[in-house]
Protein backbone atom coordinates (compact mmCIF):
# COMPACT_ATOMS: atom_id res chain seq x y z
CA UNK A 1 0.00 0.00 0.00
CA UNK A 2 1.41 3.39 -0.98
CA UNK A 3 1.87 6.07 1.66
CA UNK A 4 0.06 9.30 0.88
CA UNK A 5 0.63 12.86 1.95
CA UNK A 6 -1.92 15.62 1.67
CA UNK A 7 -1.24 18.45 -0.78
CA UNK A 8 -4.59 20.11 0.02
CA UNK A 9 -7.66 18.82 1.83
CA UNK A 10 -8.89 15.76 -0.14
CA UNK A 11 -6.04 16.16 -2.67
CA UNK A 12 -3.38 13.55 -2.09
CA UNK A 13 -0.36 12.17 -3.91
CA UNK A 14 1.66 8.98 -3.47
CA UNK A 15 4.90 9.36 -1.54
CA UNK A 16 7.64 10.60 -3.84
CA UNK A 17 5.29 12.26 -6.35
CA UNK A 18 3.73 15.70 -6.71
CA UNK A 19 0.44 16.70 -8.41
CA UNK A 20 0.18 19.74 -10.67
CA UNK A 21 -2.18 21.57 -13.00
CA UNK A 22 -1.35 20.85 -16.63
CA UNK A 23 -0.55 23.87 -18.76
CA UNK A 24 0.36 24.23 -22.46
CA UNK A 25 4.02 24.60 -21.48
CA UNK A 26 4.03 20.91 -20.52
CA UNK A 27 2.55 19.75 -23.83
CA UNK A 28 5.67 18.03 -25.18
CA UNK A 29 6.01 16.13 -21.89
CA UNK A 30 2.34 15.15 -22.11
CA UNK A 31 2.78 13.80 -25.64
CA UNK A 32 5.79 11.77 -24.56
CA UNK A 33 3.83 10.28 -21.68
CA UNK A 34 0.81 9.61 -23.89
CA UNK A 35 3.00 7.65 -26.29
CA UNK A 36 4.40 5.62 -23.39
CA UNK A 37 0.92 4.90 -22.05
CA UNK A 38 -0.86 4.07 -25.33
CA UNK A 39 2.05 2.96 -27.56
CA UNK A 40 0.82 5.11 -30.46
CA UNK A 41 3.32 7.69 -31.75
CA UNK A 42 1.86 11.04 -32.78
CA UNK A 43 3.00 12.75 -35.96
CA UNK A 44 4.29 16.32 -35.58
CA UNK A 45 1.22 17.91 -37.21
CA UNK A 46 -1.10 15.85 -35.05
CA UNK A 47 0.75 17.03 -31.95
CA UNK A 48 -0.04 20.62 -32.91
CA UNK A 49 -3.71 19.88 -33.59
CA UNK A 50 -4.26 17.90 -30.40
CA UNK A 51 -2.70 20.68 -28.32
CA UNK A 52 -5.79 22.78 -29.07
CA UNK A 53 -8.03 19.82 -28.25
CA UNK A 54 -6.78 19.24 -24.71
CA UNK A 55 -9.17 20.54 -21.99
CA UNK A 56 -6.76 23.06 -20.42
CA UNK A 57 -8.09 24.16 -17.05
CA UNK A 58 -9.45 20.66 -16.41
CA UNK A 59 -6.20 18.73 -16.77
CA UNK A 60 -4.07 17.41 -13.93
CA UNK A 61 -0.80 15.53 -13.84
CA UNK A 62 1.64 13.80 -11.52
CA UNK A 63 5.39 14.43 -11.50
CA UNK A 64 8.37 12.81 -9.78
CA UNK A 65 9.39 14.58 -6.57
CA UNK A 66 11.84 12.04 -5.11
CA UNK A 67 15.10 11.77 -7.13
CA UNK A 68 15.32 8.10 -6.17
CA UNK A 69 12.30 7.51 -8.47
CA UNK A 70 13.75 9.39 -11.43
CA UNK A 71 14.44 12.91 -12.58
CA UNK A 72 12.40 15.36 -10.44
CA UNK A 73 9.73 17.14 -12.42
CA UNK A 74 9.29 14.31 -14.93
CA UNK A 75 5.64 13.85 -15.86
CA UNK A 76 4.44 10.32 -15.09
CA UNK A 77 0.64 10.67 -14.98
CA UNK A 78 -1.99 12.74 -16.80
CA UNK A 79 -5.75 13.02 -16.95
CA UNK A 80 -8.30 15.52 -18.20
CA UNK A 81 -12.05 15.87 -18.44
CA UNK A 82 -14.67 17.65 -20.50
CA UNK A 83 -17.61 19.45 -18.95
CA UNK A 84 -20.67 18.07 -20.78
CA UNK A 85 -24.38 17.57 -20.22
CA UNK A 86 -25.88 14.09 -20.53
CA UNK A 87 -29.50 13.08 -21.11
CA UNK A 88 -30.99 10.94 -18.33
CA UNK A 89 -34.33 9.08 -18.32
CA UNK A 90 -37.01 11.76 -18.39
CA UNK A 91 -35.13 14.09 -20.71
CA UNK A 92 -33.13 16.32 -18.39
CA UNK A 93 -29.50 17.02 -19.26
CA UNK A 94 -27.31 16.81 -16.18
CA UNK A 95 -23.82 18.17 -15.62
CA UNK A 96 -21.32 15.42 -16.40
CA UNK A 97 -17.57 15.19 -15.99
CA UNK A 98 -16.40 13.24 -19.05
CA UNK A 99 -13.06 11.67 -18.13
CA UNK A 100 -10.44 11.31 -20.85
CA UNK A 101 -6.69 11.51 -21.57
CA UNK A 102 -5.90 9.18 -18.64
CA UNK A 103 -2.41 7.71 -18.71
CA UNK A 104 0.34 6.52 -16.35
CA UNK A 105 3.92 5.86 -17.39
CA UNK A 106 4.45 2.05 -17.41
CA UNK A 107 7.59 2.47 -15.30
CA UNK A 108 5.54 4.02 -12.47
CA UNK A 109 2.52 1.73 -12.34
CA UNK A 110 1.11 0.26 -9.13
CA UNK A 111 2.37 3.10 -6.96
CA UNK A 112 -0.99 4.78 -6.35
CA UNK A 113 -0.68 7.40 -9.11
CA UNK A 114 -3.94 6.51 -10.87
CA UNK A 115 -5.79 6.16 -7.58
CA UNK A 116 -4.61 9.61 -6.52
CA UNK A 117 -5.63 11.16 -9.85
CA UNK A 118 -9.06 9.51 -9.72
CA UNK A 119 -9.75 10.80 -6.19
CA UNK A 120 -8.70 14.26 -7.36
CA UNK A 121 -10.98 13.93 -10.40
CA UNK A 122 -13.95 13.05 -8.20
CA UNK A 123 -13.32 15.92 -5.78
CA UNK A 124 -12.91 18.56 -8.48
CA UNK A 125 -15.94 17.31 -10.43
CA UNK A 126 -18.13 17.54 -7.33
CA UNK A 127 -16.84 21.05 -6.62
CA UNK A 128 -17.91 22.07 -10.14
CA UNK A 129 -21.41 20.71 -9.57
CA UNK A 130 -20.96 17.69 -11.84
CA UNK A 131 -22.66 14.80 -10.07
CA UNK A 132 -21.90 12.00 -12.49
CA UNK A 133 -18.69 11.08 -14.30
CA UNK A 134 -18.55 9.16 -17.57
CA UNK A 135 -15.83 7.58 -19.68
CA UNK A 136 -14.98 5.13 -22.45
CA UNK A 137 -12.75 2.48 -20.94
CA UNK A 138 -9.58 1.30 -22.67
CA UNK A 139 -9.34 -1.34 -19.93
CA UNK A 140 -12.68 -1.62 -18.11
CA UNK A 141 -11.33 -3.77 -15.27
CA UNK A 142 -9.31 -0.74 -14.13
CA UNK A 143 -12.21 1.68 -13.76
CA UNK A 144 -14.52 -0.73 -12.01
CA UNK A 145 -12.18 -0.38 -9.03
CA UNK A 146 -13.28 3.25 -8.83
CA UNK A 147 -17.02 2.60 -8.97
CA UNK A 148 -17.68 2.93 -12.72
CA UNK A 149 -20.41 0.63 -14.00
CA UNK A 150 -21.13 -0.29 -17.60
CA UNK A 151 -24.22 1.76 -18.37
CA UNK A 152 -24.61 1.30 -22.13
CA UNK A 153 -23.70 -0.89 -25.07
CA UNK A 154 -23.38 -0.28 -28.78
CA UNK A 155 -23.46 -2.59 -31.78
CA UNK A 156 -20.85 -3.00 -34.50
CA UNK A 157 -22.42 -4.32 -37.70
CA UNK A 158 -21.48 -4.72 -41.37
CA UNK A 159 -24.07 -4.22 -44.12
CA UNK A 160 -23.61 -5.21 -47.72
CA UNK A 161 -23.82 -2.54 -50.38
CA UNK A 162 -27.39 -1.96 -51.44
CA UNK A 163 -28.85 -3.57 -48.32
CA UNK A 164 -32.61 -3.22 -48.61
CA UNK A 165 -34.45 -0.95 -46.21
CA UNK A 166 -38.13 -0.56 -45.49
CA UNK A 167 -39.78 2.58 -46.80
CA UNK A 168 -40.67 5.41 -44.41
CA UNK A 169 -43.15 8.22 -45.16
CA UNK A 170 -41.55 11.63 -45.57
CA UNK A 171 -38.17 10.35 -46.75
CA UNK A 172 -38.36 11.90 -50.21
CA UNK A 173 -38.89 15.36 -48.69
CA UNK A 174 -35.38 15.30 -47.20
CA UNK A 175 -32.11 16.17 -48.92
CA UNK A 176 -28.59 14.82 -48.38
CA UNK A 177 -25.26 16.48 -49.04
CA UNK A 178 -21.79 15.00 -48.67
CA UNK A 179 -18.88 17.21 -47.61
CA UNK A 180 -15.35 16.95 -46.26
CA UNK A 181 -15.49 17.31 -42.48
CA UNK A 182 -14.09 20.46 -40.91
CA UNK A 183 -14.30 21.93 -37.43
CA UNK A 184 -15.25 25.39 -38.68
CA UNK A 185 -18.01 24.27 -41.04
CA UNK A 186 -19.63 21.44 -39.13
CA UNK A 187 -19.13 21.60 -35.35
CA UNK A 188 -22.16 23.76 -34.64
CA UNK A 189 -24.29 21.85 -37.16
CA UNK A 190 -23.50 18.57 -35.41
CA UNK A 191 -24.23 20.08 -32.00
CA UNK A 192 -27.60 21.29 -33.31
CA UNK A 193 -28.55 17.73 -34.26
CA UNK A 194 -27.16 16.29 -31.02
CA UNK A 195 -29.35 18.68 -28.98
CA UNK A 196 -32.44 17.05 -30.48
CA UNK A 197 -31.55 13.59 -29.16
CA UNK A 198 -33.51 12.32 -26.15
CA UNK A 199 -31.80 8.95 -25.73
CA UNK A 200 -30.33 8.49 -22.22
CA UNK A 201 -26.56 8.82 -22.33
CA UNK A 202 -26.65 11.23 -25.27
CA UNK A 203 -24.46 14.32 -24.99
CA UNK A 204 -23.69 17.42 -27.03
CA UNK A 205 -20.18 18.12 -28.19
CA UNK A 206 -20.42 21.69 -26.89
CA UNK A 207 -16.93 21.72 -25.40
CA UNK A 208 -14.61 23.63 -27.74
CA UNK A 209 -11.60 21.36 -27.05
CA UNK A 210 -13.73 18.26 -27.61
CA UNK A 211 -15.05 19.69 -30.88
CA UNK A 212 -11.49 20.26 -32.05
CA UNK A 213 -10.44 16.77 -31.00
CA UNK A 214 -12.92 15.39 -33.53
CA UNK A 215 -10.78 16.56 -36.45
CA UNK A 216 -7.33 16.70 -34.81
CA UNK A 217 -6.23 13.30 -36.12
CA UNK A 218 -7.12 14.29 -39.67
CA UNK A 219 -3.86 16.19 -40.15
CA UNK A 220 -2.01 12.92 -40.75
CA UNK A 221 -1.62 11.64 -44.28
CA UNK A 222 -3.67 8.49 -44.85
CA UNK A 223 -2.44 6.95 -48.10
CA UNK A 224 -4.93 4.08 -47.95
CA UNK A 225 -7.91 6.04 -46.59
CA UNK A 226 -9.58 9.30 -47.37
CA UNK A 227 -10.08 12.12 -44.86
CA UNK A 228 -13.26 12.08 -42.83
CA UNK A 229 -16.44 13.02 -44.69
CA UNK A 230 -19.81 14.06 -43.33
CA UNK A 231 -23.26 13.22 -44.70
CA UNK A 232 -25.88 15.80 -43.71
CA UNK A 233 -29.63 15.27 -43.98
CA UNK A 234 -31.81 18.40 -44.04
CA UNK A 235 -35.55 18.97 -43.95
CA UNK A 236 -37.41 21.16 -46.50
CA UNK A 237 -36.64 24.24 -44.36
CA UNK A 238 -32.92 23.50 -44.66
CA UNK A 239 -32.54 22.48 -41.02
CA UNK A 240 -30.22 19.55 -40.27
CA UNK A 241 -32.03 16.48 -38.92
CA UNK A 242 -29.27 13.83 -39.20
CA UNK A 243 -25.58 13.46 -39.90
CA UNK A 244 -22.94 10.74 -40.15
CA UNK A 245 -19.13 10.81 -40.16
CA UNK A 246 -17.58 8.30 -42.54
CA UNK A 247 -14.55 7.46 -44.62
CA UNK A 248 -13.93 5.03 -47.47
CA UNK A 249 -11.11 2.63 -48.16
CA UNK A 250 -10.84 0.87 -51.49
CA UNK A 251 -8.74 -2.15 -52.48
CA UNK A 252 -8.37 -3.00 -56.14
CA UNK A 253 -8.19 -6.48 -57.62
CA UNK A 254 -7.32 -5.75 -61.22
CA UNK A 255 -10.15 -3.55 -62.42
CA UNK A 256 -12.51 -4.56 -59.60
CA UNK A 257 -12.98 -2.29 -56.58
CA UNK A 258 -13.56 -3.75 -53.12
CA UNK A 259 -14.39 -0.78 -50.91
CA UNK A 260 -15.37 -0.42 -47.26
CA UNK A 261 -17.31 2.54 -45.92
CA UNK A 262 -16.75 2.97 -42.18
CA UNK A 263 -19.25 5.04 -40.21
CA UNK A 264 -17.88 5.85 -36.77
CA UNK A 265 -20.42 8.43 -35.62
CA UNK A 266 -23.96 9.34 -36.58
CA UNK A 267 -27.09 10.92 -35.14
CA UNK A 268 -30.60 10.71 -36.57
CA UNK A 269 -33.67 12.44 -35.16
CA UNK A 270 -36.54 10.78 -37.05
CA UNK A 271 -37.29 7.57 -38.89
CA UNK A 272 -37.46 9.43 -42.19
CA UNK A 273 -34.08 11.08 -41.57
CA UNK A 274 -32.55 7.71 -40.75
CA UNK A 275 -33.99 6.12 -43.89
CA UNK A 276 -32.69 8.95 -46.07
CA UNK A 277 -29.22 8.91 -44.52
CA UNK A 278 -28.67 5.17 -44.79
CA UNK A 279 -30.21 5.01 -48.23
CA UNK A 280 -27.24 7.07 -49.42
CA UNK A 281 -24.45 5.57 -47.31
CA UNK A 282 -25.42 1.99 -48.15
CA UNK A 283 -25.05 2.62 -51.88
CA UNK A 284 -21.85 4.61 -52.42
CA UNK A 285 -19.79 3.91 -55.53
CA UNK A 286 -16.77 1.57 -55.32
CA UNK A 287 -18.03 0.12 -52.04
CA UNK A 288 -18.83 -3.50 -51.20
CA UNK A 289 -19.80 -3.09 -47.55
CA UNK A 290 -20.62 -0.53 -44.87
CA UNK A 291 -19.18 -1.02 -41.39
CA UNK A 292 -21.13 0.84 -38.70
CA UNK A 293 -19.18 0.89 -35.45
CA UNK A 294 -21.63 2.75 -33.23
CA UNK A 295 -25.25 1.54 -33.43
CA UNK A 296 -27.47 1.81 -30.34
CA UNK A 297 -29.00 -1.55 -29.43
CA UNK A 298 -32.43 -0.41 -30.63
CA UNK A 299 -31.34 1.88 -33.46
CA UNK A 300 -33.69 2.69 -36.31
CA UNK A 301 -31.34 1.15 -38.89
CA UNK A 302 -31.77 -2.34 -37.44
CA UNK A 303 -35.54 -1.85 -37.52
CA UNK A 304 -35.45 -0.66 -41.14
CA UNK A 305 -33.21 -3.43 -42.50
CA UNK A 306 -35.17 -6.14 -44.31
CA UNK A 307 -32.39 -8.68 -43.71
CA UNK A 308 -31.57 -8.35 -40.02
CA UNK A 309 -29.28 -11.41 -39.95
CA UNK A 310 -26.60 -10.59 -42.50
CA UNK A 311 -25.10 -7.60 -40.60
CA UNK A 312 -24.00 -10.09 -37.87
CA UNK A 313 -24.07 -7.48 -35.10
CA UNK A 314 -21.43 -7.61 -32.36
CA UNK A 315 -22.23 -5.99 -29.01
CA UNK A 316 -19.50 -3.89 -27.36
CA UNK A 317 -19.45 -1.81 -24.20
CA UNK A 318 -20.14 1.87 -24.68
CA UNK A 319 -20.54 4.41 -21.87
CA UNK A 320 -19.26 3.74 -18.35
CA UNK A 321 -20.83 5.81 -15.61
CA UNK A 322 -19.95 6.75 -12.03
CA UNK A 323 -22.40 8.52 -9.73
CA UNK A 324 -20.65 11.20 -7.67
CA UNK A 325 -23.68 12.53 -5.77
CA UNK A 326 -26.34 9.89 -5.08
CA UNK A 327 -29.13 12.22 -4.03
CA UNK A 328 -28.77 14.71 -6.87
CA UNK A 329 -28.29 12.03 -9.50
CA UNK A 330 -31.33 9.99 -8.45
CA UNK A 331 -33.52 13.09 -8.22
CA UNK A 332 -32.47 14.30 -11.67
CA UNK A 333 -34.10 11.44 -13.58
CA UNK A 334 -37.69 10.24 -13.74
CA UNK A 335 -39.14 6.82 -12.90
CA UNK A 336 -41.63 4.67 -14.77
CA UNK A 337 -43.66 3.61 -11.73
CA UNK A 338 -44.09 4.55 -8.06
CA UNK A 339 -41.63 3.21 -5.48
CA UNK A 340 -40.84 3.77 -1.83
CA UNK A 341 -37.69 1.83 -1.00
CA UNK A 342 -34.71 2.07 1.32
CA UNK A 343 -31.51 1.29 -0.51
CA UNK A 344 -28.17 0.72 1.21
CA UNK A 345 -25.29 2.06 -0.89
CA UNK A 346 -21.60 1.29 -0.35
CA UNK A 347 -18.98 3.62 -1.80
CA UNK A 348 -15.34 3.19 -0.85
CA UNK A 349 -14.12 6.37 -2.58
CA UNK A 350 -16.86 8.87 -1.69
CA UNK A 351 -18.10 8.37 1.90
CA UNK A 352 -20.90 10.94 1.45
CA UNK A 353 -22.64 8.45 -0.85
CA UNK A 354 -22.39 5.62 1.65
CA UNK A 355 -25.37 4.78 3.81
CA UNK A 356 -29.11 4.23 3.64
CA UNK A 357 -31.13 6.20 1.11
CA UNK A 358 -34.90 6.38 0.90
CA UNK A 359 -36.18 6.73 -2.66
CA UNK A 360 -39.82 7.82 -2.61
CA UNK A 361 -41.55 8.87 -5.81
CA UNK A 362 -44.55 11.02 -6.63
CA UNK A 363 -46.26 11.82 -9.94
CA UNK A 364 -44.47 14.43 -12.01
CA UNK A 365 -46.36 17.72 -12.22
CA UNK A 366 -45.29 20.48 -14.56
CA UNK A 367 -46.48 23.17 -12.18
CA UNK A 368 -44.27 21.80 -9.40
CA UNK A 369 -41.11 21.32 -11.46
CA UNK A 370 -40.23 24.28 -13.60
CA UNK A 371 -36.93 23.34 -15.24
CA UNK A 372 -34.38 25.93 -16.38
CA UNK A 373 -34.83 26.95 -19.99
CA UNK A 374 -31.91 24.80 -21.16
CA UNK A 375 -32.33 21.97 -18.67
CA UNK A 376 -34.71 19.79 -20.61
CA UNK A 377 -34.59 18.72 -24.21
CA UNK A 378 -37.38 19.78 -26.56
CA UNK A 379 -40.63 17.97 -25.79
CA UNK A 380 -39.47 16.67 -22.43
CA UNK A 381 -42.62 17.84 -20.69
CA UNK A 382 -44.76 15.67 -22.94
CA UNK A 383 -42.56 12.67 -22.23
CA UNK A 384 -43.08 13.20 -18.50
CA UNK A 385 -46.79 12.32 -18.71
CA UNK A 386 -47.31 9.34 -16.42
CA UNK A 387 -43.76 9.55 -15.05
CA UNK A 388 -42.69 9.87 -11.44
CA UNK A 389 -40.02 11.97 -9.77
CA UNK A 390 -38.11 10.95 -6.68
CA UNK A 391 -37.44 12.59 -3.37
CA UNK A 392 -34.21 11.05 -2.12
CA UNK A 393 -33.14 11.41 1.50
CA UNK A 394 -30.56 9.82 3.73
CA UNK A 395 -31.91 7.86 6.68
CA UNK A 396 -30.14 6.78 9.85
CA UNK A 397 -30.47 3.37 11.44
CA UNK A 398 -30.69 3.02 15.20
CA UNK A 399 -30.98 0.27 17.79
CA UNK A 400 -34.36 1.51 18.96
CA UNK A 401 -35.88 1.95 15.49
CA UNK A 402 -34.00 -0.18 12.96
CA UNK A 403 -34.65 0.81 9.37
CA UNK A 404 -35.93 -1.85 7.03
CA UNK A 405 -33.42 -2.04 4.19
CA UNK A 406 -34.95 -3.34 0.95
CA UNK A 407 -31.77 -3.59 -1.16
CA UNK A 408 -28.03 -3.25 -0.60
CA UNK A 409 -25.74 -2.52 -3.53
CA UNK A 410 -22.43 -0.95 -4.43
CA UNK A 411 -21.97 2.36 -6.21
CA UNK A 412 -20.76 0.48 -9.30
CA UNK A 413 -24.07 -1.38 -9.63
CA UNK A 414 -26.17 1.73 -8.98
CA UNK A 415 -24.13 3.68 -11.53
CA UNK A 416 -24.44 0.95 -14.16
CA UNK A 417 -28.22 0.82 -13.76
CA UNK A 418 -28.69 4.58 -13.62
CA UNK A 419 -29.55 5.10 -17.31
CA UNK A 420 -31.89 2.11 -17.50
CA UNK A 421 -29.76 0.01 -19.83
CA UNK A 422 -28.75 -2.44 -17.09
CA UNK A 423 -31.44 -3.67 -14.71
CA UNK A 424 -31.24 -3.96 -10.96
CA UNK A 425 -32.96 -7.34 -11.30
CA UNK A 426 -30.26 -8.78 -13.57
CA UNK A 427 -27.51 -7.56 -11.24
CA UNK A 428 -29.35 -9.14 -8.32
CA UNK A 429 -29.64 -12.45 -10.16
CA UNK A 430 -25.91 -12.27 -10.85
CA UNK A 431 -25.30 -12.11 -7.11
CA UNK A 432 -24.00 -8.52 -7.18
CA UNK A 433 -26.91 -6.97 -5.26
CA UNK A 434 -28.45 -8.15 -1.98
CA UNK A 435 -32.24 -8.16 -1.92
CA UNK A 436 -33.66 -8.10 1.62
CA UNK A 437 -37.31 -7.47 0.74
CA UNK A 438 -38.67 -10.03 -1.75
CA UNK A 439 -39.57 -8.35 -5.04
CA UNK A 440 -37.71 -5.11 -4.28
CA UNK A 441 -35.16 -5.64 -7.08
CA UNK A 442 -37.85 -6.20 -9.68
CA UNK A 443 -39.78 -3.18 -8.46
CA UNK A 444 -36.75 -0.90 -8.65
CA UNK A 445 -35.83 -2.32 -12.08
CA UNK A 446 -39.30 -1.56 -13.44
CA UNK A 447 -39.14 1.96 -12.04
CA UNK A 448 -35.69 2.69 -13.51
CA UNK A 449 -36.36 1.29 -16.98
CA UNK A 450 -35.70 3.45 -20.02
CA UNK A 451 -37.89 3.68 -23.10
CA UNK A 452 -34.73 3.71 -25.25
CA UNK A 453 -31.48 1.83 -24.88
CA UNK A 454 -28.90 4.29 -23.55
CA UNK A 455 -25.81 5.23 -25.53
CA UNK A 456 -23.54 8.22 -25.96
CA UNK A 457 -23.83 10.35 -29.11
CA UNK A 458 -20.05 10.19 -29.59
CA UNK A 459 -16.86 8.96 -27.98
CA UNK A 460 -14.36 11.11 -26.12
């Protein structure tokens, strides 16, 4: 076990190391460390582009302080986060700390550096009013130690060129244009479409560094692939209603082209927009197949495809979530049915979350809950009809009046089930949740269900 010393209240570092705020002056050191951590060298032009994409002001690092461990001042750990807003069941967008750029030098592993940086990340996120943290895990077994639960999946599927789709009314009224992707021309357009999404887990790329990160890797020459392109679907008024980012790669056998179109991000807002978008992307010249790497489990494309077997979908983990403030997180979302349960939560990293919580719901009433003008997505009030909101309070057990605890679970399980893509019942059946009141797990599962499978709008 590493010995820790306090740099500030709740900010600690392993013995022999020193935390610091990352600034642009340390960029070359950060690139060197990133290459050590992820084994992927960055070309000189990409280094310049990614410098603008780093979330300065939200980045922290760890340096050597003890000369016995190496040269003092050497950077051995980095992490950053983006301040985003994520849709939760019910339609509200809640403040989210999107963790990224996490790396530790392989020569300084298992000394408490990551643990120290994660505790610092939690503390600073809570101070900013961000009561959930999200990430895409390079190695998910690492982040489960810090309470992150798998909250969403996506599907990777390959469609043959010309794959038949069912017809959808209104498709012919929409137009499609194909352009080369650029930050200046398309960032705001993509954010406009993302703001229309009501799927739990969806976010808007409204962080300037994150928007720049989208195109930062495009500065490298790709002799076998083209630069990223964007397909934009617009309604008769010229308003964007869908987009997709894609690139093509073509192999030639004599005079025969064998091309692959890879779609690594897309957002559609209606069935007609989806049908129009995929009708174009599934029939591009010189292509034999279309690989879609980011389909939600219940995406419209899988519903529209006449042959739903040939894509051979593969399910992969998507968003990982970590609740930082139990009360605020549980009160931010809605519930599908009434409940009144006492839930025991364990949280090794954040003691304020630990304890017994009463979750009592009541019918949602518009007159009682006036959200901020930008708090709910368009049409959220209509989606609240028949929904319930929760009043969450901490309760104390005592010898004289012991509290009946219905369920006991860890913060990882609560976080994984938060968006409704993982059920409390399935986690209970797996032996990861203790049910003390028969039927309580099923009741809480039914209440926390989501009408749509959760998934993030993009990766970060």
